[in-house]
Each structure stands twice: as structure tokens, then as C-alpha cells.
PDB file of all heavy atoms in Angstrom:
ATOM      1  N   ALA A   1     100.987 105.907 108.892  1.00  0.00           N
ATOM      2  CA  ALA A   1     101.578 104.579 108.612  1.00  0.00           C
ATOM      3  C   ALA A   1     102.979 104.894 108.148  1.00  0.00           C
ATOM      4  O   ALA A   1     103.425 105.942 107.810  1.00  0.00           O
ATOM      5  CB  ALA A   1     100.739 103.880 107.567  1.00  0.00           C
ATOM      6  N   GLY A   2     103.746 103.760 108.120  1.00  0.00           N
ATOM      7  CA  GLY A   2     105.176 103.772 107.741  1.00  0.00           C
ATOM      8  C   GLY A   2     105.320 103.309 106.262  1.00  0.00           C
ATOM      9  O   GLY A   2     104.443 102.628 105.658  1.00  0.00           O
ATOM     10  N   ILE A   3     106.414 103.512 105.744  1.00  0.00           N
ATOM     11  CA  ILE A   3     106.722 103.170 104.308  1.00  0.00           C
ATOM     12  C   ILE A   3     106.737 101.660 104.129  1.00  0.00           C
ATOM     13  O   ILE A   3     106.337 101.080 103.150  1.00  0.00           O
ATOM     14  CB  ILE A   3     108.081 103.615 103.793  1.00  0.00           C
ATOM     15  CG1 ILE A   3     108.290 103.342 102.360  1.00  0.00           C
ATOM     16  CG2 ILE A   3     109.152 103.180 104.660  1.00  0.00           C
ATOM     17  CD1 ILE A   3     107.225 103.891 101.400  1.00  0.00           C
ATOM     18  N   GLY A   4     107.059 100.844 105.264  1.00  0.00           N
ATOM     19  CA  GLY A   4     106.926  99.446 105.247  1.00  0.00           C
ATOM     20  C   GLY A   4     105.590  98.939 104.943  1.00  0.00           C
ATOM     21  O   GLY A   4     105.467  98.021 104.193  1.00  0.00           O
ATOM     22  N   THR A   5     104.679  99.464 105.587  1.00  0.00           N
ATOM     23  CA  THR A   5     103.259  99.202 105.353  1.00  0.00           C
ATOM     24  C   THR A   5     102.736  99.490 103.926  1.00  0.00           C
ATOM     25  O   THR A   5     102.108  98.641 103.331  1.00  0.00           O
ATOM     26  CB  THR A   5     102.243  99.930 106.475  1.00  0.00           C
ATOM     27  OG1 THR A   5     102.599  99.469 107.751  1.00  0.00           O
ATOM     28  CG2 THR A   5     100.819  99.519 106.093  1.00  0.00           C
ATOM     29  N   VAL A   6     103.271 100.585 103.482  1.00  0.00           N
ATOM     30  CA  VAL A   6     102.888 101.005 102.163  1.00  0.00           C
ATOM     31  C   VAL A   6     103.479 100.080 101.083  1.00  0.00           C
ATOM     32  O   VAL A   6     102.772  99.605 100.127  1.00  0.00           O
ATOM     33  CB  VAL A   6     103.314 102.470 101.826  1.00  0.00           C
ATOM     34  CG1 VAL A   6     103.116 102.888 100.387  1.00  0.00           C
ATOM     35  CG2 VAL A   6     102.665 103.386 102.748  1.00  0.00           C
ATOM     36  N   LEU A   7     104.697  99.712 101.252  1.00  0.00           N
ATOM     37  CA  LEU A   7     105.355  98.850 100.315  1.00  0.00           C
ATOM     38  C   LEU A   7     104.829  97.385 100.341  1.00  0.00           C
ATOM     39  O   LEU A   7     104.744  96.707  99.324  1.00  0.00           O
ATOM     40  CB  LEU A   7     106.878  98.800 100.593  1.00  0.00           C
ATOM     41  CG  LEU A   7     107.683 100.107 100.261  1.00  0.00           C
ATOM     42  CD1 LEU A   7     109.070 100.023 100.662  1.00  0.00           C
ATOM     43  CD2 LEU A   7     107.444 100.560  98.763  1.00  0.00           C
ATOM     44  N   ALA A   8     104.435  96.942 101.508  1.00  0.00           N
ATOM     45  CA  ALA A   8     103.916  95.664 101.728  1.00  0.00           C
ATOM     46  C   ALA A   8     102.419  95.401 101.267  1.00  0.00           C
ATOM     47  O   ALA A   8     102.116  94.399 100.665  1.00  0.00           O
ATOM     48  CB  ALA A   8     104.125  95.194 103.151  1.00  0.00           C
ATOM     49  N   ASP A   9     101.613  96.497 101.504  1.00  0.00           N
ATOM     50  CA  ASP A   9     100.122  96.246 101.380  1.00  0.00           C
ATOM     51  C   ASP A   9      99.547  97.156 100.343  1.00  0.00           C
ATOM     52  O   ASP A   9      98.463  96.883  99.927  1.00  0.00           O
ATOM     53  CB  ASP A   9      99.451  96.527 102.668  1.00  0.00           C
ATOM     54  CG  ASP A   9      99.943  95.582 103.742  1.00  0.00           C
ATOM     55  OD1 ASP A   9     100.371  94.523 103.423  1.00  0.00           O
ATOM     56  OD2 ASP A   9      99.816  95.994 104.988  1.00  0.00           O
ATOM     57  N   ASP A  10     100.257  98.187  99.766  1.00  0.00           N
ATOM     58  CA  ASP A  10      99.745  99.238  98.842  1.00  0.00           C
ATOM     59  C   ASP A  10      98.237  99.633  99.384  1.00  0.00           C
ATOM     60  O   ASP A  10      97.317  99.462  98.696  1.00  0.00           O
ATOM     61  CB  ASP A  10      99.634  98.661  97.495  1.00  0.00           C
ATOM     62  CG  ASP A  10      99.248  99.724  96.519  1.00  0.00           C
ATOM     63  OD1 ASP A  10      99.518 100.791  96.736  1.00  0.00           O
ATOM     64  OD2 ASP A  10      98.662  99.255  95.475  1.00  0.00           O
ATOM     65  N   PRO A  11      98.181 100.084 100.554  1.00  0.00           N
ATOM     66  CA  PRO A  11      96.805 100.471 101.291  1.00  0.00           C
ATOM     67  C   PRO A  11      96.295 101.806 100.649  1.00  0.00           C
ATOM     68  O   PRO A  11      97.048 102.606 100.122  1.00  0.00           O
ATOM     69  CB  PRO A  11      97.087 100.586 102.693  1.00  0.00           C
ATOM     70  CG  PRO A  11      98.448 101.193 102.724  1.00  0.00           C
ATOM     71  CD  PRO A  11      99.191 100.464 101.555  1.00  0.00           C
ATOM     72  N   MET A  12      95.004 101.994 100.861  1.00  0.00           N
ATOM     73  CA  MET A  12      94.427 103.323 100.523  1.00  0.00           C
ATOM     74  C   MET A  12      94.422 104.129 101.821  1.00  0.00           C
ATOM     75  O   MET A  12      94.374 105.425 101.692  1.00  0.00           O
ATOM     76  CB  MET A  12      92.925 103.089 100.020  1.00  0.00           C
ATOM     77  CG  MET A  12      92.868 102.817  98.609  1.00  0.00           C
ATOM     78  SD  MET A  12      93.276 104.276  97.478  1.00  0.00           S
ATOM     79  CE  MET A  12      91.777 105.186  97.787  1.00  0.00           C
ATOM     80  N   LEU A  13      94.248 103.644 103.027  1.00  0.00           N
ATOM     81  CA  LEU A  13      94.121 104.274 104.231  1.00  0.00           C
ATOM     82  C   LEU A  13      93.001 105.178 104.302  1.00  0.00           C
ATOM     83  O   LEU A  13      93.075 106.488 104.832  1.00  0.00           O
ATOM     84  CB  LEU A  13      95.360 104.910 104.610  1.00  0.00           C
ATOM     85  CG  LEU A  13      96.661 104.048 104.791  1.00  0.00           C
ATOM     86  CD1 LEU A  13      97.811 104.865 104.981  1.00  0.00           C
ATOM     87  CD2 LEU A  13      96.461 103.039 105.776  1.00  0.00           C
ATOM     88  N   ASN A  14      91.834 104.982 103.676  1.00  0.00           N
ATOM     89  CA  ASN A  14      90.684 105.778 103.602  1.00  0.00           C
ATOM     90  C   ASN A  14      89.514 105.195 104.381  1.00  0.00           C
ATOM     91  O   ASN A  14      89.757 104.072 104.977  1.00  0.00           O
ATOM     92  CB  ASN A  14      90.319 106.026 102.170  1.00  0.00           C
ATOM     93  CG  ASN A  14      89.858 104.833 101.437  1.00  0.00           C
ATOM     94  OD1 ASN A  14      90.347 103.750 101.775  1.00  0.00           O
ATOM     95  ND2 ASN A  14      88.979 104.927 100.416  1.00  0.00           N
ATOM     96  N   VAL A  15      88.344 105.744 104.286  1.00  0.00           N
ATOM     97  CA  VAL A  15      87.162 105.169 105.051  1.00  0.00           C
ATOM     98  C   VAL A  15      86.289 104.529 103.868  1.00  0.00           C
ATOM     99  O   VAL A  15      85.914 105.318 102.991  1.00  0.00           O
ATOM    100  CB  VAL A  15      86.436 106.119 105.837  1.00  0.00           C
ATOM    101  CG1 VAL A  15      85.106 105.575 106.333  1.00  0.00           C
ATOM    102  CG2 VAL A  15      87.250 106.579 107.077  1.00  0.00           C
ATOM    103  N   ARG A  16      85.852 103.340 104.043  1.00  0.00           N
ATOM    104  CA  ARG A  16      85.055 102.672 103.144  1.00  0.00           C
ATOM    105  C   ARG A  16      83.585 102.518 103.362  1.00  0.00           C
ATOM    106  O   ARG A  16      82.895 101.826 102.832  1.00  0.00           O
ATOM    107  CB  ARG A  16      85.658 101.315 102.764  1.00  0.00           C
ATOM    108  CG  ARG A  16      87.179 101.306 102.243  1.00  0.00           C
ATOM    109  CD  ARG A  16      87.672 100.008 101.971  1.00  0.00           C
ATOM    110  NE  ARG A  16      87.870  99.124 103.099  1.00  0.00           N
ATOM    111  CZ  ARG A  16      89.009  99.193 103.876  1.00  0.00           C
ATOM    112  NH1 ARG A  16      90.044  99.969 103.460  1.00  0.00           N
ATOM    113  NH2 ARG A  16      89.204  98.388 104.911  1.00  0.00           N
ATOM    114  N   MET A  17      83.192 103.348 104.398  1.00  0.00           N
ATOM    115  CA  MET A  17      81.713 103.280 104.815  1.00  0.00           C
ATOM    116  C   MET A  17      81.005 104.581 104.289  1.00  0.00           C
ATOM    117  O   MET A  17      81.543 105.643 104.377  1.00  0.00           O
ATOM    118  CB  MET A  17      81.617 103.252 106.357  1.00  0.00           C
ATOM    119  CG  MET A  17      82.381 102.106 107.015  1.00  0.00           C
ATOM    120  SD  MET A  17      81.738 100.502 106.516  1.00  0.00           S
ATOM    121  CE  MET A  17      80.174 100.569 107.321  1.00  0.00           C
ATOM    122  N   GLU A  18      79.919 104.368 103.665  1.00  0.00           N
ATOM    123  CA  GLU A  18      79.094 105.469 103.159  1.00  0.00           C
ATOM    124  C   GLU A  18      78.722 106.495 104.161  1.00  0.00           C
ATOM    125  O   GLU A  18      78.264 106.044 105.327  1.00  0.00           O
ATOM    126  CB  GLU A  18      77.811 104.905 102.431  1.00  0.00           C
ATOM    127  CG  GLU A  18      76.988 105.924 101.691  1.00  0.00           C
ATOM    128  CD  GLU A  18      77.741 106.291 100.407  1.00  0.00           C
ATOM    129  OE1 GLU A  18      78.536 105.531  99.737  1.00  0.00           O
ATOM    130  OE2 GLU A  18      77.457 107.466  99.912  1.00  0.00           O
ATOM    131  N   GLY A  19      78.994 107.782 103.885  1.00  0.00           N
ATOM    132  CA  GLY A  19      78.698 108.768 104.765  1.00  0.00           C
ATOM    133  C   GLY A  19      79.538 109.214 105.785  1.00  0.00           C
ATOM    134  O   GLY A  19      79.290 110.109 106.552  1.00  0.00           O
ATOM    135  N   TRP A  20      80.701 108.480 105.896  1.00  0.00           N
ATOM    136  CA  TRP A  20      81.767 108.842 106.852  1.00  0.00           C
ATOM    137  C   TRP A  20      82.886 109.541 106.093  1.00  0.00           C
ATOM    138  O   TRP A  20      83.131 109.293 104.855  1.00  0.00           O
ATOM    139  CB  TRP A  20      82.261 107.604 107.495  1.00  0.00           C
ATOM    140  CG  TRP A  20      81.267 106.955 108.510  1.00  0.00           C
ATOM    141  CD1 TRP A  20      80.073 107.519 108.803  1.00  0.00           C
ATOM    142  CD2 TRP A  20      81.463 105.805 109.219  1.00  0.00           C
ATOM    143  NE1 TRP A  20      79.440 106.712 109.769  1.00  0.00           N
ATOM    144  CE2 TRP A  20      80.238 105.696 110.002  1.00  0.00           C
ATOM    145  CE3 TRP A  20      82.430 104.846 109.355  1.00  0.00           C
ATOM    146  CZ2 TRP A  20      80.141 104.632 110.868  1.00  0.00           C
ATOM    147  CZ3 TRP A  20      82.175 103.733 110.228  1.00  0.00           C
ATOM    148  CH2 TRP A  20      81.125 103.690 111.049  1.00  0.00           C
ATOM    149  N   LYS A  21      83.673 110.318 106.842  1.00  0.00           N
ATOM    150  CA  LYS A  21      84.696 111.067 106.200  1.00  0.00           C
ATOM    151  C   LYS A  21      86.127 110.378 106.255  1.00  0.00           C
ATOM    152  O   LYS A  21      86.292 109.580 107.252  1.00  0.00           O
ATOM    153  CB  LYS A  21      84.922 112.449 106.681  1.00  0.00           C
ATOM    154  CG  LYS A  21      85.262 112.523 108.196  1.00  0.00           C
ATOM    155  CD  LYS A  21      85.605 113.890 108.623  1.00  0.00           C
ATOM    156  CE  LYS A  21      86.012 113.860 110.142  1.00  0.00           C
ATOM    157  NZ  LYS A  21      87.214 113.109 110.447  1.00  0.00           N
ATOM    158  N   SER A  22      86.942 110.441 105.283  1.00  0.00           N
ATOM    159  CA  SER A  22      88.218 109.866 105.313  1.00  0.00           C
ATOM    160  C   SER A  22      89.289 110.771 105.972  1.00  0.00           C
ATOM    161  O   SER A  22      89.223 111.952 105.873  1.00  0.00           O
ATOM    162  CB  SER A  22      88.815 109.471 103.904  1.00  0.00           C
ATOM    163  OG  SER A  22      88.001 108.405 103.371  1.00  0.00           O
ATOM    164  N   PRO A  23      90.297 110.263 106.701  1.00  0.00           N
ATOM    165  CA  PRO A  23      91.289 111.073 107.395  1.00  0.00           C
ATOM    166  C   PRO A  23      92.293 111.581 106.482  1.00  0.00           C
ATOM    167  O   PRO A  23      92.524 111.101 105.367  1.00  0.00           O
ATOM    168  CB  PRO A  23      91.908 110.144 108.416  1.00  0.00           C
ATOM    169  CG  PRO A  23      91.696 108.802 107.752  1.00  0.00           C
ATOM    170  CD  PRO A  23      90.508 108.806 106.994  1.00  0.00           C
ATOM    171  N   ILE A  24      93.042 112.585 106.909  1.00  0.00           N
ATOM    172  CA  ILE A  24      94.238 113.054 106.194  1.00  0.00           C
ATOM    173  C   ILE A  24      95.277 111.940 106.336  1.00  0.00           C
ATOM    174  O   ILE A  24      95.584 111.416 107.447  1.00  0.00           O
ATOM    175  CB  ILE A  24      94.708 114.345 106.727  1.00  0.00           C
ATOM    176  CG1 ILE A  24      93.683 115.400 106.570  1.00  0.00           C
ATOM    177  CG2 ILE A  24      96.077 114.734 106.190  1.00  0.00           C
ATOM    178  CD1 ILE A  24      94.130 116.693 107.561  1.00  0.00           C
ATOM    179  N   ARG A  25      95.907 111.530 105.224  1.00  0.00           N
ATOM    180  CA  ARG A  25      96.938 110.410 105.232  1.00  0.00           C
ATOM    181  C   ARG A  25      98.242 110.928 105.533  1.00  0.00           C
ATOM    182  O   ARG A  25      98.776 111.847 104.724  1.00  0.00           O
ATOM    183  CB  ARG A  25      96.779 109.580 103.943  1.00  0.00           C
ATOM    184  CG  ARG A  25      95.382 109.070 103.749  1.00  0.00           C
ATOM    185  CD  ARG A  25      95.252 108.275 102.552  1.00  0.00           C
ATOM    186  NE  ARG A  25      95.491 109.183 101.258  1.00  0.00           N
ATOM    187  CZ  ARG A  25      95.422 108.634 100.163  1.00  0.00           C
ATOM    188  NH1 ARG A  25      94.972 107.452  99.827  1.00  0.00           N
ATOM    189  NH2 ARG A  25      95.746 109.522  99.071  1.00  0.00           N
ATOM    190  N   ILE A  26      98.992 110.375 106.511  1.00  0.00           N
ATOM    191  CA  ILE A  26     100.310 110.829 106.842  1.00  0.00           C
ATOM    192  C   ILE A  26     101.318 109.603 106.664  1.00  0.00           C
ATOM    193  O   ILE A  26     101.049 108.550 107.389  1.00  0.00           O
ATOM    194  CB  ILE A  26     100.426 111.474 108.258  1.00  0.00           C
ATOM    195  CG1 ILE A  26      99.399 112.628 108.295  1.00  0.00           C
ATOM    196  CG2 ILE A  26     101.757 111.895 108.490  1.00  0.00           C
ATOM    197  CD1 ILE A  26      98.777 112.759 109.680  1.00  0.00           C
ATOM    198  N   LEU A  27     102.349 109.675 105.826  1.00  0.00           N
ATOM    199  CA  LEU A  27     103.252 108.636 105.650  1.00  0.00           C
ATOM    200  C   LEU A  27     104.671 109.023 106.225  1.00  0.00           C
ATOM    201  O   LEU A  27     105.167 110.024 105.926  1.00  0.00           O
ATOM    202  CB  LEU A  27     103.348 108.235 104.182  1.00  0.00           C
ATOM    203  CG  LEU A  27     102.100 107.459 103.686  1.00  0.00           C
ATOM    204  CD1 LEU A  27     101.856 106.172 104.403  1.00  0.00           C
ATOM    205  CD2 LEU A  27     100.938 108.431 103.299  1.00  0.00           C
ATOM    206  N   CYS A  28     105.323 108.102 106.931  1.00  0.00           N
ATOM    207  CA  CYS A  28     106.669 108.348 107.426  1.00  0.00           C
ATOM    208  C   CYS A  28     107.515 107.530 106.506  1.00  0.00           C
ATOM    209  O   CYS A  28     107.451 106.264 106.412  1.00  0.00           O
ATOM    210  CB  CYS A  28     106.864 107.850 108.806  1.00  0.00           C
ATOM    211  SG  CYS A  28     105.949 108.914 110.005  1.00  0.00           S
ATOM    212  N   ASP A  29     108.447 108.262 105.721  1.00  0.00           N
ATOM    213  CA  ASP A  29     109.094 107.606 104.549  1.00  0.00           C
ATOM    214  C   ASP A  29     110.520 108.359 104.460  1.00  0.00           C
ATOM    215  O   ASP A  29     110.643 109.283 103.643  1.00  0.00           O
ATOM    216  CB  ASP A  29     108.366 107.699 103.311  1.00  0.00           C
ATOM    217  CG  ASP A  29     109.090 107.142 102.134  1.00  0.00           C
ATOM    218  OD1 ASP A  29     110.114 106.465 102.279  1.00  0.00           O
ATOM    219  OD2 ASP A  29     108.463 107.322 100.990  1.00  0.00           O
ATOM    220  N   SER A  30     111.483 107.933 105.348  1.00  0.00           N
ATOM    221  CA  SER A  30     112.747 108.681 105.459  1.00  0.00           C
ATOM    222  C   SER A  30     113.319 108.826 104.074  1.00  0.00           C
ATOM    223  O   SER A  30     113.871 109.983 103.757  1.00  0.00           O
ATOM    224  CB  SER A  30     113.624 107.977 106.448  1.00  0.00           C
ATOM    225  OG  SER A  30     113.115 107.883 107.714  1.00  0.00           O
ATOM    226  N   GLY A  31     113.474 107.807 103.187  1.00  0.00           N
ATOM    227  CA  GLY A  31     114.170 107.972 101.996  1.00  0.00           C
ATOM    228  C   GLY A  31     113.306 108.186 100.863  1.00  0.00           C
ATOM    229  O   GLY A  31     113.683 108.201  99.630  1.00  0.00           O
ATOM    230  N   LEU A  32     112.026 108.653 101.115  1.00  0.00           N
ATOM    231  CA  LEU A  32     111.079 108.944  99.995  1.00  0.00           C
ATOM    232  C   LEU A  32     110.955 107.787  98.972  1.00  0.00           C
ATOM    233  O   LEU A  32     111.161 108.059  97.825  1.00  0.00           O
ATOM    234  CB  LEU A  32     111.394 110.246  99.368  1.00  0.00           C
ATOM    235  CG  LEU A  32     110.307 111.233  98.994  1.00  0.00           C
ATOM    236  CD1 LEU A  32     109.390 111.527 100.086  1.00  0.00           C
ATOM    237  CD2 LEU A  32     110.778 112.436  98.331  1.00  0.00           C
ATOM    238  N   ARG A  33     110.682 106.673  99.461  1.00  0.00           N
ATOM    239  CA  ARG A  33     110.634 105.425  98.532  1.00  0.00           C
ATOM    240  C   ARG A  33     109.158 105.122  98.080  1.00  0.00           C
ATOM    241  O   ARG A  33     108.963 104.182  97.329  1.00  0.00           O
ATOM    242  CB  ARG A  33     111.117 104.226  99.317  1.00  0.00           C
ATOM    243  CG  ARG A  33     112.633 104.202  99.620  1.00  0.00           C
ATOM    244  CD  ARG A  33     113.033 102.933 100.285  1.00  0.00           C
ATOM    245  NE  ARG A  33     112.484 102.766 101.653  1.00  0.00           N
ATOM    246  CZ  ARG A  33     112.280 101.628 102.231  1.00  0.00           C
ATOM    247  NH1 ARG A  33     112.462 100.440 101.595  1.00  0.00           N
ATOM    248  NH2 ARG A  33     111.819 101.487 103.342  1.00  0.00           N
ATOM    249  N   ILE A  34     108.246 105.970  98.531  1.00  0.00           N
ATOM    250  CA  ILE A  34     106.831 105.785  98.100  1.00  0.00           C
ATOM    251  C   ILE A  34     106.686 105.565  96.668  1.00  0.00           C
ATOM    252  O   ILE A  34     107.071 106.518  95.938  1.00  0.00           O
ATOM    253  CB  ILE A  34     105.970 106.914  98.775  1.00  0.00           C
ATOM    254  CG1 ILE A  34     104.533 106.521  98.587  1.00  0.00           C
ATOM    255  CG2 ILE A  34     106.307 108.260  98.184  1.00  0.00           C
ATOM    256  CD1 ILE A  34     103.556 107.428  99.345  1.00  0.00           C
ATOM    257  N   PRO A  35     105.977 104.543  96.200  1.00  0.00           N
ATOM    258  CA  PRO A  35     105.791 104.343  94.833  1.00  0.00           C
ATOM    259  C   PRO A  35     104.852 105.265  94.136  1.00  0.00           C
ATOM    260  O   PRO A  35     103.802 105.589  94.628  1.00  0.00           O
ATOM    261  CB  PRO A  35     105.247 102.950  94.706  1.00  0.00           C
ATOM    262  CG  PRO A  35     105.464 102.260  95.996  1.00  0.00           C
ATOM    263  CD  PRO A  35     105.518 103.416  96.982  1.00  0.00           C
ATOM    264  N   LEU A  36     105.242 105.879  92.970  1.00  0.00           N
ATOM    265  CA  LEU A  36     104.385 106.794  92.389  1.00  0.00           C
ATOM    266  C   LEU A  36     103.234 106.166  91.766  1.00  0.00           C
ATOM    267  O   LEU A  36     102.157 106.876  91.437  1.00  0.00           O
ATOM    268  CB  LEU A  36     105.213 107.492  91.230  1.00  0.00           C
ATOM    269  CG  LEU A  36     106.345 108.426  91.619  1.00  0.00           C
ATOM    270  CD1 LEU A  36     107.123 108.982  90.488  1.00  0.00           C
ATOM    271  CD2 LEU A  36     105.898 109.501  92.531  1.00  0.00           C
ATOM    272  N   ASP A  37     103.245 104.851  91.517  1.00  0.00           N
ATOM    273  CA  ASP A  37     102.122 104.099  90.908  1.00  0.00           C
ATOM    274  C   ASP A  37     101.250 103.463  91.986  1.00  0.00           C
ATOM    275  O   ASP A  37     100.306 102.585  91.676  1.00  0.00           O
ATOM    276  CB  ASP A  37     102.487 103.169  89.826  1.00  0.00           C
ATOM    277  CG  ASP A  37     103.458 102.135  90.400  1.00  0.00           C
ATOM    278  OD1 ASP A  37     103.909 102.223  91.589  1.00  0.00           O
ATOM    279  OD2 ASP A  37     103.839 101.189  89.698  1.00  0.00           O
ATOM    280  N   GLY A  38     101.558 103.706  93.332  1.00  0.00           N
ATOM    281  CA  GLY A  38     100.738 103.066  94.345  1.00  0.00           C
ATOM    282  C   GLY A  38      99.453 103.766  94.567  1.00  0.00           C
ATOM    283  O   GLY A  38      99.175 104.969  94.130  1.00  0.00           O
ATOM    284  N   GLN A  39      98.437 103.223  95.296  1.00  0.00           N
ATOM    285  CA  GLN A  39      97.262 103.633  95.556  1.00  0.00           C
ATOM    286  C   GLN A  39      97.255 105.055  96.350  1.00  0.00           C
ATOM    287  O   GLN A  39      96.481 105.908  96.015  1.00  0.00           O
ATOM    288  CB  GLN A  39      96.288 102.685  96.329  1.00  0.00           C
ATOM    289  CG  GLN A  39      95.931 101.516  95.574  1.00  0.00           C
ATOM    290  CD  GLN A  39      94.788 100.734  96.239  1.00  0.00           C
ATOM    291  OE1 GLN A  39      93.610 100.916  95.928  1.00  0.00           O
ATOM    292  NE2 GLN A  39      95.119  99.889  97.277  1.00  0.00           N
TER     293      GLN A  39
END
């Protein structure tokens, strides 16, 4: 996902179903604006 999605939605980008695995999360953030207190 992009930094716009992260800033707008504060997502987890994980899997919420029991018994399934979550993916590796990859963020595109040119200016490294990702919040340290975000999910």
C-alpha cells in the first residue's frame, strides 16, 4: 500500500481470519512520513 492509504485509514493490512497467515507488509513512502504511533 502507499503512504496515502496509511495516513487516511491507519490500516493493519493483516489477515483477520482464524487459521490463515498474514502477508509481509510493504509500504511505499517516499518521504518516510509513516506515523510511529500507527497500527
